[in-house]
C-alpha cells in the first residue's frame, strides 16, 4: 500500500474543493483545504502538509506569491507545492516554477496523475 500523505488543497471553487478532497480521501490520504491565500497560509502552518495543490488564480492573492511565502516558512520548506490552473500552462509554468512550485498541472487533474503527484 502507498504511503499515506497529508495533502492541502487550495482552491477557490467550492465544487472543485469538494471533489478533490473527496477523491484524495478515497485514495487513503489525509486532506485539508483552504479557499483563499490567507487561509492557505494558516492551514499549511496548522496542518503541516507534505503536498500542497495550489490554485494559481486565487481571489485574494496571486498563487505565485503564496507559494513563495510557503517556501519561506522553515517548517514548510520541504513541502512539495504543485500548481494547478485553469490558465494555459505555457503562460504560467515558468513563473510557478520560479515561485517554488515543483510542477504545474491543468485543471481538472486526471485522478491517476493526481495520485502519482501526491505519492511523489
Protein backbone atom coordinates (compact mmCIF):
# COMPACT_ATOMS: atom_id res chain seq x y z
CA UNK A 1 0.00 0.00 0.00
CA UNK A 2 1.19 3.50 -0.83
CA UNK A 3 2.36 5.79 1.92
CA UNK A 4 -0.36 7.97 3.45
CA UNK A 5 0.28 11.68 2.87
CA UNK A 6 -1.08 14.93 4.28
CA UNK A 7 -2.41 16.98 1.36
CA UNK A 8 -3.63 20.58 1.41
CA UNK A 9 -5.93 21.64 -1.43
CA UNK A 10 -6.00 25.39 -2.07
CA UNK A 11 -8.82 26.18 -4.49
CA UNK A 12 -11.43 28.96 -4.59
CA UNK A 13 -14.12 26.94 -6.40
CA UNK A 14 -16.27 25.06 -3.89
CA UNK A 15 -17.23 22.25 -6.30
CA UNK A 16 -13.58 21.68 -7.18
CA UNK A 17 -12.58 21.67 -3.49
CA UNK A 18 -15.28 19.15 -2.62
CA UNK A 19 -14.49 16.78 -5.48
CA UNK A 20 -10.70 16.94 -4.98
CA UNK A 21 -10.86 16.44 -1.22
CA UNK A 22 -13.28 13.52 -1.61
CA UNK A 23 -11.05 11.89 -4.23
CA UNK A 24 -7.89 12.38 -2.15
CA UNK A 25 -9.59 10.84 0.91
CA UNK A 26 -10.72 7.88 -1.22
CA UNK A 27 -7.04 7.42 -2.17
CA UNK A 28 -6.31 6.98 1.53
CA UNK A 29 -4.65 10.32 2.29
CA UNK A 30 -5.39 12.93 4.95
CA UNK A 31 -6.66 16.13 3.39
CA UNK A 32 -7.40 19.69 4.41
CA UNK A 33 -8.41 22.63 2.27
CA UNK A 34 -8.38 26.40 2.05
CA UNK A 35 -10.29 28.61 -0.35
CA UNK A 36 -8.02 31.67 -0.41
CA UNK A 37 -4.40 32.66 0.08
CA UNK A 38 -4.60 33.73 3.72
CA UNK A 39 -6.48 30.54 4.55
CA UNK A 40 -3.81 28.56 2.73
CA UNK A 41 -1.02 30.03 4.85
CA UNK A 42 -2.94 29.41 8.06
CA UNK A 43 -3.96 25.86 7.09
CA UNK A 44 -0.42 24.97 5.98
CA UNK A 45 1.06 26.14 9.28
CA UNK A 46 -1.52 24.17 11.27
CA UNK A 47 -1.86 21.00 9.11
CA UNK A 48 1.80 20.70 8.04
CA UNK A 49 1.04 19.08 4.66
CA UNK A 50 3.56 17.08 2.69
CA UNK A 51 1.92 18.16 -0.57
CA UNK A 52 0.03 21.35 -1.42
CA UNK A 53 -2.16 21.52 -4.53
CA UNK A 54 -2.22 25.28 -5.10
CA UNK A 55 -4.62 27.05 -7.45
CA UNK A 56 -2.66 29.87 -9.04
CA UNK A 57 -5.75 32.06 -9.60
CA UNK A 58 -6.92 32.84 -6.07
CA UNK A 59 -9.26 35.76 -5.31
CA UNK A 60 -7.17 37.49 -2.62
CA UNK A 61 -3.54 36.72 -3.51
CA UNK A 62 -1.63 35.55 -6.53
CA UNK A 63 -0.81 31.86 -6.12
CA UNK A 64 2.82 32.54 -7.02
CA UNK A 65 3.15 34.85 -4.01
CA UNK A 66 1.51 32.26 -1.76
CA UNK A 67 3.98 29.61 -2.99
CA UNK A 68 6.91 31.91 -2.18
CA UNK A 69 5.56 32.63 1.31
CA UNK A 70 5.03 28.93 1.98
CA UNK A 71 8.59 28.12 0.92
CA UNK A 72 9.94 30.83 3.25
CA UNK A 73 8.35 29.12 6.26
CA UNK A 74 11.05 26.92 7.83
CA UNK A 75 8.51 24.23 8.80
CA UNK A 76 7.16 24.11 5.23
CA UNK A 77 10.38 24.47 3.24
CA UNK A 78 10.36 20.79 2.21
CA UNK A 79 6.64 20.70 1.38
CA UNK A 80 6.02 19.92 -2.29
CA UNK A 81 3.87 22.60 -3.91
CA UNK A 82 2.07 21.64 -7.09
CA UNK A 83 0.43 24.49 -9.01
CA UNK A 84 -2.95 23.79 -10.57
CA UNK A 85 -4.52 26.19 -13.02
CA UNK A 86 -7.29 26.78 -15.49
CA UNK A 87 -4.95 29.03 -17.48
CA UNK A 88 -2.87 27.79 -20.42
CA UNK A 89 0.17 26.05 -18.92
CA UNK A 90 2.68 27.76 -21.21
CA UNK A 91 1.61 31.14 -19.76
CA UNK A 92 2.29 30.31 -16.12
CA UNK A 93 4.66 27.33 -15.97
CA UNK A 94 7.97 29.20 -15.58
CA UNK A 95 6.58 31.75 -13.15
CA UNK A 96 5.14 28.95 -10.98
CA UNK A 97 8.45 27.05 -11.00
CA UNK A 98 10.34 30.25 -10.15
CA UNK A 99 7.97 30.79 -7.20
CA UNK A 100 8.91 27.41 -5.73
CA UNK A 101 6.31 25.07 -7.21
CA UNK A 102 7.66 21.65 -8.15
CA UNK A 103 5.30 21.19 -11.08
CA UNK A 104 2.25 22.68 -12.81
CA UNK A 105 -0.91 20.89 -13.99
CA UNK A 106 -4.07 21.95 -15.77
CA UNK A 107 -7.43 21.62 -14.04
CA UNK A 108 -9.11 19.28 -13.68
CA UNK A 109 -6.34 16.81 -12.86
CA UNK A 110 -6.68 13.23 -14.03
CA UNK A 111 -7.13 11.06 -10.89
CA UNK A 112 -4.24 8.76 -11.84
CA UNK A 113 -1.93 11.74 -12.33
CA UNK A 114 -3.18 13.23 -9.06
CA UNK A 115 -2.28 10.04 -7.16
CA UNK A 116 1.19 9.96 -8.76
CA UNK A 117 1.75 13.60 -7.83
CA UNK A 118 0.69 13.00 -4.22
CA UNK A 119 2.92 9.93 -3.90
CA UNK A 120 5.83 11.96 -5.26
